[in-house]
Amino acid sequence: MNQLLLSTSWCVPIYGLMGAILSLPWSMGIIRRTGPRPAAYLNLLATLFGFFS
């Protein structure tokens, strides 16, 4: 069990970074049709995935 946690713990910060990168099109104004709400959902999903993994 310890070996599994140690071998996969480096992935946890990547989920937050992935959420930030995925929300860039909305924050830069490239995608305006849907509004800012999908970016918040993607960020929340990536954060929760990193928290529970």
Foldseek 3Di string as FASTA:
>chain_A
DVVVCVVCVVCLVVLQVVLVVVQVCQVVVVDPPVHNVVSVVSNVVSNVVSVVD
